[in-house]
């Protein structure tokens, strides 16, 4: 997994700031979407000639912007191979 090398407090502050000033209605909408399997639209970035590894991206929405998550998985057995948070 690749992600910024932040400590717990930095991650907490970063995520809390993304919700700052949002209405309760919008907060609950985003929180609910996060709990639904397949709740985010996935984009297939895979090389069409690649038969063994798939590369996918999804953007997790927040009130101001989104956190991009790119991941790879085996097309053979579906196992998660890597995750990259925040480009």
PDB file of N, CA and C in Angstrom:
ATOM      1  N   UNK A   1       0.845  -1.169   0.000  1.00  0.00           N
ATOM      2  CA  UNK A   1       0.000   0.000   0.000  1.00  0.00           C
ATOM      3  C   UNK A   1       0.893   1.236   0.000  1.00  0.00           C
ATOM      4  N   UNK A   2       0.560   2.187  -0.853  1.00  0.00           N
ATOM      5  CA  UNK A   2       1.276   3.462  -0.872  1.00  0.00           C
ATOM      6  C   UNK A   2       0.306   4.562  -0.490  1.00  0.00           C
ATOM      7  N   UNK A   3       0.720   5.356   0.461  1.00  0.00           N
ATOM      8  CA  UNK A   3      -0.081   6.489   0.936  1.00  0.00           C
ATOM      9  C   UNK A   3       0.876   7.480   1.583  1.00  0.00           C
ATOM     10  N   UNK A   4       0.427   8.720   1.760  1.00  0.00           N
ATOM     11  CA  UNK A   4       1.295   9.677   2.453  1.00  0.00           C
ATOM     12  C   UNK A   4       1.717   9.136   3.820  1.00  0.00           C
ATOM     13  N   UNK A   5       2.935   9.389   4.202  1.00  0.00           N
ATOM     14  CA  UNK A   5       3.459   8.903   5.479  1.00  0.00           C
ATOM     15  C   UNK A   5       3.106   9.879   6.594  1.00  0.00           C
ATOM     16  N   UNK A   6       1.811   9.950   6.906  1.00  0.00           N
ATOM     17  CA  UNK A   6       1.307  10.834   7.942  1.00  0.00           C
ATOM     18  C   UNK A   6       1.077  10.048   9.218  1.00  0.00           C
ATOM     19  N   UNK A   7       1.191  10.721  10.354  1.00  0.00           N
ATOM     20  CA  UNK A   7       0.857  10.070  11.619  1.00  0.00           C
ATOM     21  C   UNK A   7      -0.664  10.088  11.799  1.00  0.00           C
ATOM     22  N   UNK A   8      -1.136   9.446  12.852  1.00  0.00           N
ATOM     23  CA  UNK A   8      -2.573   9.320  13.093  1.00  0.00           C
ATOM     24  C   UNK A   8      -3.252  10.684  13.175  1.00  0.00           C
ATOM     25  N   UNK A   9      -2.643  11.612  13.896  1.00  0.00           N
ATOM     26  CA  UNK A   9      -3.267  12.930  14.063  1.00  0.00           C
ATOM     27  C   UNK A   9      -3.360  13.673  12.733  1.00  0.00           C
ATOM     28  N   UNK A  10      -2.342  13.573  11.904  1.00  0.00           N
ATOM     29  CA  UNK A  10      -2.360  14.248  10.602  1.00  0.00           C
ATOM     30  C   UNK A  10      -3.473  13.679   9.731  1.00  0.00           C
ATOM     31  N   UNK A  11      -3.612  12.336   9.690  1.00  0.00           N
ATOM     32  CA  UNK A  11      -4.697  11.711   8.930  1.00  0.00           C
ATOM     33  C   UNK A  11      -6.052  12.154   9.474  1.00  0.00           C
ATOM     34  N   UNK A  12      -6.198  12.147  10.791  1.00  0.00           N
ATOM     35  CA  UNK A  12      -7.462  12.549  11.422  1.00  0.00           C
ATOM     36  C   UNK A  12      -7.808  13.985  11.036  1.00  0.00           C
ATOM     37  N   UNK A  13      -6.861  14.887  11.176  1.00  0.00           N
ATOM     38  CA  UNK A  13      -7.084  16.289  10.820  1.00  0.00           C
ATOM     39  C   UNK A  13      -7.443  16.440   9.346  1.00  0.00           C
ATOM     40  N   UNK A  14      -6.712  15.731   8.490  1.00  0.00           N
ATOM     41  CA  UNK A  14      -6.938  15.805   7.043  1.00  0.00           C
ATOM     42  C   UNK A  14      -8.365  15.383   6.695  1.00  0.00           C
ATOM     43  N   UNK A  15      -8.800  14.252   7.241  1.00  0.00           N
ATOM     44  CA  UNK A  15     -10.141  13.754   6.928  1.00  0.00           C
ATOM     45  C   UNK A  15     -11.232  14.615   7.561  1.00  0.00           C
ATOM     46  N   UNK A  16     -11.014  15.074   8.785  1.00  0.00           N
ATOM     47  CA  UNK A  16     -12.008  15.944   9.417  1.00  0.00           C
ATOM     48  C   UNK A  16     -12.163  17.253   8.659  1.00  0.00           C
ATOM     49  N   UNK A  17     -11.067  17.807   8.160  1.00  0.00           N
ATOM     50  CA  UNK A  17     -11.122  19.061   7.407  1.00  0.00           C
ATOM     51  C   UNK A  17     -11.912  18.914   6.114  1.00  0.00           C
ATOM     52  N   UNK A  18     -11.942  17.725   5.553  1.00  0.00           N
ATOM     53  CA  UNK A  18     -12.702  17.504   4.325  1.00  0.00           C
ATOM     54  C   UNK A  18     -14.207  17.614   4.552  1.00  0.00           C
ATOM     55  N   UNK A  19     -14.654  17.431   5.795  1.00  0.00           N
ATOM     56  CA  UNK A  19     -16.075  17.538   6.132  1.00  0.00           C
ATOM     57  C   UNK A  19     -16.440  18.866   6.779  1.00  0.00           C
ATOM     58  N   UNK A  20     -15.471  19.715   6.997  1.00  0.00           N
ATOM     59  CA  UNK A  20     -15.704  20.976   7.699  1.00  0.00           C
ATOM     60  C   UNK A  20     -16.744  21.834   6.968  1.00  0.00           C
ATOM     61  N   UNK A  21     -17.753  22.268   7.709  1.00  0.00           N
ATOM     62  CA  UNK A  21     -18.764  23.158   7.154  1.00  0.00           C
ATOM     63  C   UNK A  21     -19.862  22.475   6.353  1.00  0.00           C
ATOM     64  N   UNK A  22     -19.830  21.151   6.221  1.00  0.00           N
ATOM     65  CA  UNK A  22     -20.843  20.451   5.437  1.00  0.00           C
ATOM     66  C   UNK A  22     -22.116  20.271   6.269  1.00  0.00           C
ATOM     67  N   UNK A  23     -23.246  20.289   5.595  1.00  0.00           N
ATOM     68  CA  UNK A  23     -24.521  20.094   6.285  1.00  0.00           C
ATOM     69  C   UNK A  23     -24.635  18.644   6.766  1.00  0.00           C
ATOM     70  N   UNK A  24     -25.473  18.441   7.763  1.00  0.00           N
ATOM     71  CA  UNK A  24     -25.694  17.092   8.273  1.00  0.00           C
ATOM     72  C   UNK A  24     -26.255  16.194   7.170  1.00  0.00           C
ATOM     73  N   UNK A  25     -27.132  16.725   6.353  1.00  0.00           N
ATOM     74  CA  UNK A  25     -27.725  15.952   5.255  1.00  0.00           C
ATOM     75  C   UNK A  25     -26.641  15.447   4.289  1.00  0.00           C
ATOM     76  N   UNK A  26     -25.746  16.330   3.874  1.00  0.00           N
ATOM     77  CA  UNK A  26     -24.668  15.946   2.948  1.00  0.00           C
ATOM     78  C   UNK A  26     -23.700  14.973   3.614  1.00  0.00           C
ATOM     79  N   UNK A  27     -23.386  15.213   4.884  1.00  0.00           N
ATOM     80  CA  UNK A  27     -22.496  14.323   5.628  1.00  0.00           C
ATOM     81  C   UNK A  27     -23.066  12.910   5.662  1.00  0.00           C
ATOM     82  N   UNK A  28     -24.337  12.788   5.987  1.00  0.00           N
ATOM     83  CA  UNK A  28     -24.972  11.469   6.061  1.00  0.00           C
ATOM     84  C   UNK A  28     -25.051  10.805   4.688  1.00  0.00           C
ATOM     85  N   UNK A  29     -25.280  11.606   3.651  1.00  0.00           N
ATOM     86  CA  UNK A  29     -25.305  11.063   2.286  1.00  0.00           C
ATOM     87  C   UNK A  29     -23.954  10.446   1.924  1.00  0.00           C
ATOM     88  N   UNK A  30     -22.870  11.173   2.197  1.00  0.00           N
ATOM     89  CA  UNK A  30     -21.528  10.671   1.888  1.00  0.00           C
ATOM     90  C   UNK A  30     -21.162   9.470   2.751  1.00  0.00           C
ATOM     91  N   UNK A  31     -21.510   9.520   4.011  1.00  0.00           N
ATOM     92  CA  UNK A  31     -21.216   8.418   4.926  1.00  0.00           C
ATOM     93  C   UNK A  31     -21.969   7.155   4.525  1.00  0.00           C
ATOM     94  N   UNK A  32     -23.223   7.309   4.123  1.00  0.00           N
ATOM     95  CA  UNK A  32     -24.022   6.165   3.690  1.00  0.00           C
ATOM     96  C   UNK A  32     -23.433   5.541   2.434  1.00  0.00           C
ATOM     97  N   UNK A  33     -23.036   6.373   1.491  1.00  0.00           N
ATOM     98  CA  UNK A  33     -22.452   5.871   0.245  1.00  0.00           C
ATOM     99  C   UNK A  33     -21.193   5.065   0.526  1.00  0.00           C
ATOM    100  N   UNK A  34     -20.427   5.493   1.520  1.00  0.00           N
ATOM    101  CA  UNK A  34     -19.190   4.791   1.866  1.00  0.00           C
ATOM    102  C   UNK A  34     -19.468   3.388   2.391  1.00  0.00           C
ATOM    103  N   UNK A  35     -20.638   3.183   2.979  1.00  0.00           N
ATOM    104  CA  UNK A  35     -20.964   1.882   3.550  1.00  0.00           C
ATOM    105  C   UNK A  35     -21.620   0.917   2.577  1.00  0.00           C
ATOM    106  N   UNK A  36     -21.859   1.346   1.362  1.00  0.00           N
ATOM    107  CA  UNK A  36     -22.516   0.498   0.373  1.00  0.00           C
ATOM    108  C   UNK A  36     -21.460  -0.160  -0.506  1.00  0.00           C
ATOM    109  N   UNK A  37     -21.498  -1.492  -0.572  1.00  0.00           N
ATOM    110  CA  UNK A  37     -20.548  -2.192  -1.433  1.00  0.00           C
ATOM    111  C   UNK A  37     -20.832  -1.788  -2.878  1.00  0.00           C
ATOM    112  N   UNK A  38     -19.788  -1.377  -3.570  1.00  0.00           N
ATOM    113  CA  UNK A  38     -19.955  -0.918  -4.943  1.00  0.00           C
ATOM    114  C   UNK A  38     -20.571   0.469  -5.024  1.00  0.00           C
ATOM    115  N   UNK A  39     -20.498   1.239  -3.948  1.00  0.00           N
ATOM    116  CA  UNK A  39     -21.110   2.557  -3.899  1.00  0.00           C
ATOM    117  C   UNK A  39     -20.392   3.614  -4.718  1.00  0.00           C
ATOM    118  N   UNK A  40     -19.172   3.336  -5.136  1.00  0.00           N
ATOM    119  CA  UNK A  40     -18.400   4.305  -5.913  1.00  0.00           C
ATOM    120  C   UNK A  40     -18.194   3.791  -7.330  1.00  0.00           C
ATOM    121  N   UNK A  41     -18.190   4.717  -8.276  1.00  0.00           N
ATOM    122  CA  UNK A  41     -17.963   4.349  -9.667  1.00  0.00           C
ATOM    123  C   UNK A  41     -16.485   4.030  -9.865  1.00  0.00           C
ATOM    124  N   UNK A  42     -16.219   2.885 -10.461  1.00  0.00           N
ATOM    125  CA  UNK A  42     -14.857   2.438 -10.700  1.00  0.00           C
ATOM    126  C   UNK A  42     -14.504   2.660 -12.172  1.00  0.00           C
ATOM    127  N   UNK A  43     -13.282   3.098 -12.423  1.00  0.00           N
ATOM    128  CA  UNK A  43     -12.775   3.259 -13.773  1.00  0.00           C
ATOM    129  C   UNK A  43     -11.698   2.213 -14.018  1.00  0.00           C
ATOM    130  N   UNK A  44     -11.834   1.473 -15.095  1.00  0.00           N
ATOM    131  CA  UNK A  44     -10.861   0.436 -15.441  1.00  0.00           C
ATOM    132  C   UNK A  44      -9.722   1.093 -16.208  1.00  0.00           C
ATOM    133  N   UNK A  45      -8.520   1.067 -15.623  1.00  0.00           N
ATOM    134  CA  UNK A  45      -7.334   1.653 -16.252  1.00  0.00           C
ATOM    135  C   UNK A  45      -6.419   0.583 -16.847  1.00  0.00           C
ATOM    136  N   UNK A  46      -6.886  -0.650 -16.847  1.00  0.00           N
ATOM    137  CA  UNK A  46      -6.071  -1.784 -17.276  1.00  0.00           C
ATOM    138  C   UNK A  46      -5.674  -1.677 -18.734  1.00  0.00           C
ATOM    139  N   UNK A  47      -4.490  -2.190 -19.019  1.00  0.00           N
ATOM    140  CA  UNK A  47      -4.048  -2.373 -20.395  1.00  0.00           C
ATOM    141  C   UNK A  47      -4.932  -3.482 -20.972  1.00  0.00           C
ATOM    142  N   UNK A  48      -5.591  -3.212 -22.069  1.00  0.00           N
ATOM    143  CA  UNK A  48      -6.536  -4.183 -22.634  1.00  0.00           C
ATOM    144  C   UNK A  48      -5.865  -5.495 -23.028  1.00  0.00           C
ATOM    145  N   UNK A  49      -4.552  -5.478 -23.243  1.00  0.00           N
ATOM    146  CA  UNK A  49      -3.825  -6.701 -23.608  1.00  0.00           C
ATOM    147  C   UNK A  49      -3.359  -7.479 -22.382  1.00  0.00           C
ATOM    148  N   UNK A  50      -3.503  -6.882 -21.187  1.00  0.00           N
ATOM    149  CA  UNK A  50      -3.065  -7.539 -19.950  1.00  0.00           C
ATOM    150  C   UNK A  50      -4.149  -8.507 -19.492  1.00  0.00           C
ATOM    151  N   UNK A  51      -3.785  -9.773 -19.376  1.00  0.00           N
ATOM    152  CA  UNK A  51      -4.754 -10.802 -19.024  1.00  0.00           C
ATOM    153  C   UNK A  51      -4.708 -11.201 -17.554  1.00  0.00           C
ATOM    154  N   UNK A  52      -3.651 -10.799 -16.820  1.00  0.00           N
ATOM    155  CA  UNK A  52      -3.484 -11.287 -15.455  1.00  0.00           C
ATOM    156  C   UNK A  52      -3.719 -10.248 -14.368  1.00  0.00           C
ATOM    157  N   UNK A  53      -3.479  -8.963 -14.678  1.00  0.00           N
ATOM    158  CA  UNK A  53      -3.590  -7.926 -13.644  1.00  0.00           C
ATOM    159  C   UNK A  53      -4.493  -6.794 -14.135  1.00  0.00           C
ATOM    160  N   UNK A  54      -5.463  -6.421 -13.286  1.00  0.00           N
ATOM    161  CA  UNK A  54      -6.344  -5.309 -13.584  1.00  0.00           C
ATOM    162  C   UNK A  54      -5.950  -4.098 -12.754  1.00  0.00           C
ATOM    163  N   UNK A  55      -6.064  -2.913 -13.343  1.00  0.00           N
ATOM    164  CA  UNK A  55      -5.770  -1.658 -12.650  1.00  0.00           C
ATOM    165  C   UNK A  55      -7.054  -0.833 -12.664  1.00  0.00           C
ATOM    166  N   UNK A  56      -7.468  -0.372 -11.473  1.00  0.00           N
ATOM    167  CA  UNK A  56      -8.739   0.320 -11.341  1.00  0.00           C
ATOM    168  C   UNK A  56      -8.570   1.575 -10.486  1.00  0.00           C
ATOM    169  N   UNK A  57      -9.449   2.536 -10.716  1.00  0.00           N
ATOM    170  CA  UNK A  57      -9.422   3.782  -9.941  1.00  0.00           C
ATOM    171  C   UNK A  57     -10.846   4.120  -9.518  1.00  0.00           C
ATOM    172  N   UNK A  58     -10.958   4.580  -8.279  1.00  0.00           N
ATOM    173  CA  UNK A  58     -12.225   5.130  -7.822  1.00  0.00           C
ATOM    174  C   UNK A  58     -11.928   6.389  -7.035  1.00  0.00           C
ATOM    175  N   UNK A  59     -12.838   7.323  -7.125  1.00  0.00           N
ATOM    176  CA  UNK A  59     -12.701   8.590  -6.410  1.00  0.00           C
ATOM    177  C   UNK A  59     -13.727   8.598  -5.281  1.00  0.00           C
ATOM    178  N   UNK A  60     -13.232   8.674  -4.051  1.00  0.00           N
ATOM    179  CA  UNK A  60     -14.102   8.711  -2.879  1.00  0.00           C
ATOM    180  C   UNK A  60     -14.482  10.166  -2.643  1.00  0.00           C
ATOM    181  N   UNK A  61     -15.765  10.509  -2.826  1.00  0.00           N
ATOM    182  CA  UNK A  61     -16.170  11.911  -2.740  1.00  0.00           C
ATOM    183  C   UNK A  61     -16.215  12.449  -1.312  1.00  0.00           C
ATOM    184  N   UNK A  62     -15.816  13.696  -1.206  1.00  0.00           N
ATOM    185  CA  UNK A  62     -15.932  14.488   0.011  1.00  0.00           C
ATOM    186  C   UNK A  62     -16.607  15.791  -0.404  1.00  0.00           C
ATOM    187  N   UNK A  63     -17.075  16.591   0.524  1.00  0.00           N
ATOM    188  CA  UNK A  63     -17.797  17.812   0.146  1.00  0.00           C
ATOM    189  C   UNK A  63     -17.027  18.739  -0.796  1.00  0.00           C
ATOM    190  N   UNK A  64     -15.736  18.883  -0.614  1.00  0.00           N
ATOM    191  CA  UNK A  64     -14.963  19.826  -1.415  1.00  0.00           C
ATOM    192  C   UNK A  64     -14.330  19.156  -2.636  1.00  0.00           C
ATOM    193  N   UNK A  65     -13.817  17.949  -2.460  1.00  0.00           N
ATOM    194  CA  UNK A  65     -13.157  17.247  -3.546  1.00  0.00           C
ATOM    195  C   UNK A  65     -13.254  15.751  -3.285  1.00  0.00           C
ATOM    196  N   UNK A  66     -12.362  14.984  -3.876  1.00  0.00           N
ATOM    197  CA  UNK A  66     -12.391  13.534  -3.709  1.00  0.00           C
ATOM    198  C   UNK A  66     -10.980  13.019  -3.446  1.00  0.00           C
ATOM    199  N   UNK A  67     -10.903  11.864  -2.803  1.00  0.00           N
ATOM    200  CA  UNK A  67      -9.619  11.184  -2.620  1.00  0.00           C
ATOM    201  C   UNK A  67      -9.548  10.079  -3.665  1.00  0.00           C
ATOM    202  N   UNK A  68      -8.560  10.138  -4.560  1.00  0.00           N
ATOM    203  CA  UNK A  68      -8.429   9.091  -5.562  1.00  0.00           C
ATOM    204  C   UNK A  68      -7.759   7.846  -4.969  1.00  0.00           C
ATOM    205  N   UNK A  69      -8.299   6.702  -5.291  1.00  0.00           N
ATOM    206  CA  UNK A  69      -7.715   5.428  -4.882  1.00  0.00           C
ATOM    207  C   UNK A  69      -7.506   4.596  -6.147  1.00  0.00           C
ATOM    208  N   UNK A  70      -6.282   4.182  -6.363  1.00  0.00           N
ATOM    209  CA  UNK A  70      -5.957   3.313  -7.484  1.00  0.00           C
ATOM    210  C   UNK A  70      -5.530   1.975  -6.902  1.00  0.00           C
ATOM    211  N   UNK A  71      -6.035   0.898  -7.464  1.00  0.00           N
ATOM    212  CA  UNK A  71      -5.654  -0.419  -6.955  1.00  0.00           C
ATOM    213  C   UNK A  71      -5.479  -1.408  -8.091  1.00  0.00           C
ATOM    214  N   UNK A  72      -4.701  -2.435  -7.818  1.00  0.00           N
ATOM    215  CA  UNK A  72      -4.515  -3.519  -8.776  1.00  0.00           C
ATOM    216  C   UNK A  72      -5.007  -4.807  -8.146  1.00  0.00           C
ATOM    217  N   UNK A  73      -5.548  -5.664  -9.000  1.00  0.00           N
ATOM    218  CA  UNK A  73      -5.979  -6.965  -8.528  1.00  0.00           C
ATOM    219  C   UNK A  73      -5.724  -8.006  -9.600  1.00  0.00           C
ATOM    220  N   UNK A  74      -5.615  -9.234  -9.162  1.00  0.00           N
ATOM    221  CA  UNK A  74      -5.398 -10.343 -10.080  1.00  0.00           C
ATOM    222  C   UNK A  74      -6.690 -10.633 -10.838  1.00  0.00           C
ATOM    223  N   UNK A  75      -6.595 -10.725 -12.152  1.00  0.00           N
ATOM    224  CA  UNK A  75      -7.749 -11.109 -12.959  1.00  0.00           C
ATOM    225  C   UNK A  75      -7.963 -12.621 -12.888  1.00  0.00           C
ATOM    226  N   UNK A  76      -6.961 -13.322 -12.383  1.00  0.00           N
ATOM    227  CA  UNK A  76      -7.039 -14.771 -12.284  1.00  0.00           C
ATOM    228  C   UNK A  76      -7.850 -15.200 -11.065  1.00  0.00           C
ATOM    229  N   UNK A  77      -7.501 -14.673  -9.879  1.00  0.00           N
ATOM    230  CA  UNK A  77      -8.174 -15.115  -8.652  1.00  0.00           C
ATOM    231  C   UNK A  77      -8.853 -13.983  -7.882  1.00  0.00           C
ATOM    232  N   UNK A  78      -8.807 -12.738  -8.400  1.00  0.00           N
ATOM    233  CA  UNK A  78      -9.485 -11.620  -7.763  1.00  0.00           C
ATOM    234  C   UNK A  78      -8.800 -11.051  -6.534  1.00  0.00           C
ATOM    235  N   UNK A  79      -7.590 -11.516  -6.226  1.00  0.00           N
ATOM    236  CA  UNK A  79      -6.886 -11.023  -5.035  1.00  0.00           C
ATOM    237  C   UNK A  79      -6.372  -9.608  -5.251  1.00  0.00           C
ATOM    238  N   UNK A  80      -6.500  -8.813  -4.204  1.00  0.00           N
ATOM    239  CA  UNK A  80      -5.994  -7.443  -4.211  1.00  0.00           C
ATOM    240  C   UNK A  80      -4.468  -7.480  -4.178  1.00  0.00           C
ATOM    241  N   UNK A  81      -3.806  -6.778  -5.087  1.00  0.00           N
ATOM    242  CA  UNK A  81      -2.350  -6.787  -5.170  1.00  0.00           C
ATOM    243  C   UNK A  81      -1.716  -5.514  -4.616  1.00  0.00           C
ATOM    244  N   UNK A  82      -2.366  -4.360  -4.837  1.00  0.00           N
ATOM    245  CA  UNK A  82      -1.809  -3.106  -4.329  1.00  0.00           C
ATOM    246  C   UNK A  82      -2.899  -2.045  -4.250  1.00  0.00           C
ATOM    247  N   UNK A  83      -2.634  -1.039  -3.391  1.00  0.00           N
ATOM    248  CA  UNK A  83      -3.519   0.113  -3.236  1.00  0.00           C
ATOM    249  C   UNK A  83      -2.647   1.358  -3.200  1.00  0.00           C
ATOM    250  N   UNK A  84      -3.069   2.411  -3.883  1.00  0.00           N
ATOM    251  CA  UNK A  84      -2.362   3.690  -3.850  1.00  0.00           C
ATOM    252  C   UNK A  84      -3.390   4.779  -3.543  1.00  0.00           C
ATOM    253  N   UNK A  85      -3.215   5.450  -2.419  1.00  0.00           N
ATOM    254  CA  UNK A  85      -4.094   6.528  -2.000  1.00  0.00           C
ATOM    255  C   UNK A  85      -3.488   7.882  -2.314  1.00  0.00           C
ATOM    256  N   UNK A  86      -4.283   8.790  -2.803  1.00  0.00           N
ATOM    257  CA  UNK A  86      -3.895  10.185  -3.021  1.00  0.00           C
ATOM    258  C   UNK A  86      -2.681  10.295  -3.943  1.00  0.00           C
ATOM    259  N   UNK A  87      -2.978  10.639  -5.177  1.00  0.00           N
ATOM    260  CA  UNK A  87      -1.897  10.806  -6.177  1.00  0.00           C
ATOM    261  C   UNK A  87      -1.030  11.979  -5.866  1.00  0.00           C
TER     262      UNK A  87
END
